[in-house]
Amino acid sequence: MVYTSCLLAQQKIVFKHRNGSKVTKRYDRATTPFARATARANIGGADRKAMQEVMVAIRPGELYLQIQDLTTQLERMALSKAPAPVKPRVKRLMREFAEISLTPASPEDALRC
């Protein structure tokens, strides 16, 4: 979650104009949310330094390599597992329906129902 939402570059819409059904959109240059936050003018020096310390603690390159290693391990595990065996279908008759006759044997049996 941290990797995708904080470290990957994203484009933001700068301009959006509708002319009937046609919509024209203009995007800015893709930058990371961290770079956008540090580029803001209203962030103080102490806050900017704290954000830099957090980024150094995250270690984006190392985090990327860990994600790649775990993804490779997961892929190997998924491919090495044998697929589940296919079980043959078994035809089962319900005993109640097999024993009951749909037509009465005699007219007296029909009257009893």
Protein backbone atom coordinates (compact mmCIF):
# COMPACT_ATOMS: atom_id res chain seq x y z
CA MET A 1 0.00 0.00 0.00
CA VAL A 2 2.80 2.41 0.88
CA TYR A 3 4.63 1.54 -2.31
CA THR A 4 1.72 2.17 -4.67
CA SER A 5 0.18 5.18 -2.98
CA CYS A 6 3.34 7.07 -1.98
CA LEU A 7 6.20 5.99 -4.21
CA LEU A 8 4.82 5.49 -7.72
CA ALA A 9 4.51 8.48 -10.03
CA GLN A 10 0.97 9.62 -10.79
CA GLN A 11 -0.54 12.10 -13.22
CA LYS A 12 -3.07 14.67 -12.05
CA ILE A 13 -5.65 16.48 -14.17
CA VAL A 14 -4.76 20.15 -14.63
CA PHE A 15 -7.46 21.15 -17.12
CA LYS A 16 -10.79 19.64 -18.11
CA HIS A 17 -13.06 21.17 -20.76
CA ARG A 18 -16.36 19.83 -22.08
CA ASN A 19 -17.54 20.77 -25.56
CA GLY A 20 -20.82 18.89 -26.02
CA SER A 21 -20.02 15.20 -25.64
CA LYS A 22 -16.28 15.68 -26.23
CA VAL A 23 -14.17 16.09 -23.10
CA THR A 24 -10.63 17.46 -23.37
CA LYS A 25 -8.30 16.70 -20.45
CA ARG A 26 -4.78 17.96 -19.83
CA TYR A 27 -2.50 16.30 -17.30
CA ASP A 28 0.61 17.53 -15.54
CA ARG A 29 3.92 15.67 -15.55
CA ALA A 30 3.83 12.44 -13.53
CA THR A 31 5.49 12.82 -10.13
CA THR A 32 5.35 10.93 -6.86
CA PRO A 33 3.03 12.09 -4.11
CA PHE A 34 6.11 12.59 -1.94
CA ALA A 35 7.61 14.98 -4.51
CA ARG A 36 4.30 16.86 -4.77
CA ALA A 37 4.11 17.25 -1.00
CA THR A 38 7.70 18.46 -0.62
CA ALA A 39 7.28 20.91 -3.54
CA ARG A 40 4.44 22.75 -1.81
CA ALA A 41 5.37 26.23 -0.60
CA ASN A 42 3.28 26.15 2.60
CA ILE A 43 5.22 23.27 4.20
CA GLY A 44 7.68 24.38 6.86
CA GLY A 45 11.30 23.33 7.09
CA ALA A 46 10.74 21.05 10.10
CA ASP A 47 7.88 19.23 8.38
CA ARG A 48 9.89 18.88 5.19
CA LYS A 49 12.81 17.41 7.15
CA ALA A 50 10.48 14.96 8.95
CA MET A 51 9.08 13.84 5.60
CA GLN A 52 12.61 13.30 4.27
CA GLU A 53 13.46 11.15 7.32
CA VAL A 54 10.36 9.01 6.73
CA MET A 55 11.30 8.55 3.08
CA VAL A 56 14.82 7.50 4.03
CA ALA A 57 13.36 5.01 6.54
CA ILE A 58 11.05 3.52 3.88
CA ARG A 59 13.96 2.87 1.48
CA PRO A 60 12.03 2.72 -1.80
CA GLY A 61 14.64 0.71 -3.72
CA GLU A 62 14.92 -1.94 -1.04
CA LEU A 63 11.13 -2.09 -0.72
CA TYR A 64 10.82 -2.63 -4.48
CA LEU A 65 13.33 -5.50 -4.39
CA GLN A 66 11.50 -7.14 -1.47
CA ILE A 67 8.20 -6.92 -3.35
CA GLN A 68 9.82 -8.47 -6.44
CA ASP A 69 11.34 -11.33 -4.42
CA LEU A 70 8.04 -12.11 -2.70
CA THR A 71 6.18 -11.98 -6.02
CA THR A 72 8.68 -14.43 -7.54
CA GLN A 73 8.31 -16.80 -4.57
CA LEU A 74 4.53 -16.66 -4.80
CA GLU A 75 4.62 -17.38 -8.53
CA ARG A 76 6.93 -20.37 -8.01
CA MET A 77 4.67 -21.77 -5.30
CA ALA A 78 1.60 -21.39 -7.49
CA LEU A 79 3.24 -23.05 -10.49
CA SER A 80 4.83 -25.90 -8.50
CA LYS A 81 1.56 -27.05 -6.96
CA ALA A 82 -0.07 -29.94 -8.76
CA PRO A 83 -3.63 -29.25 -9.82
CA ALA A 84 -6.34 -30.92 -7.81
CA PRO A 85 -7.35 -34.30 -9.20
CA VAL A 86 -10.64 -34.44 -11.04
CA LYS A 87 -13.07 -36.66 -9.20
CA PRO A 88 -15.33 -38.89 -11.29
CA ARG A 89 -19.01 -38.10 -11.14
CA VAL A 90 -21.10 -40.56 -9.20
CA LYS A 91 -24.72 -41.14 -10.16
CA ARG A 92 -26.83 -41.38 -7.07
CA LEU A 93 -30.53 -42.06 -6.97
CA MET A 94 -32.55 -40.79 -4.13
CA ARG A 95 -34.04 -43.76 -2.32
CA GLU A 96 -37.40 -42.14 -1.72
CA PHE A 97 -37.98 -41.48 -5.41
CA ALA A 98 -36.67 -44.88 -6.49
CA GLU A 99 -39.08 -46.74 -4.18
CA ILE A 100 -42.18 -44.63 -4.89
CA SER A 101 -44.16 -45.49 -7.97
CA LEU A 102 -45.63 -42.52 -9.81
CA THR A 103 -48.79 -44.35 -10.90
CA PRO A 104 -51.06 -46.15 -8.43
CA ALA A 105 -51.05 -49.93 -8.70
CA SER A 106 -54.81 -50.25 -8.26
CA PRO A 107 -57.86 -47.96 -8.10
CA GLU A 108 -58.10 -48.57 -4.31
CA ASP A 109 -54.55 -47.19 -3.91
CA ALA A 110 -55.59 -44.05 -5.80
CA LEU A 111 -58.52 -43.50 -3.42
CA ARG A 112 -56.29 -43.83 -0.33
CA CYS A 113 -54.22 -40.81 -1.33
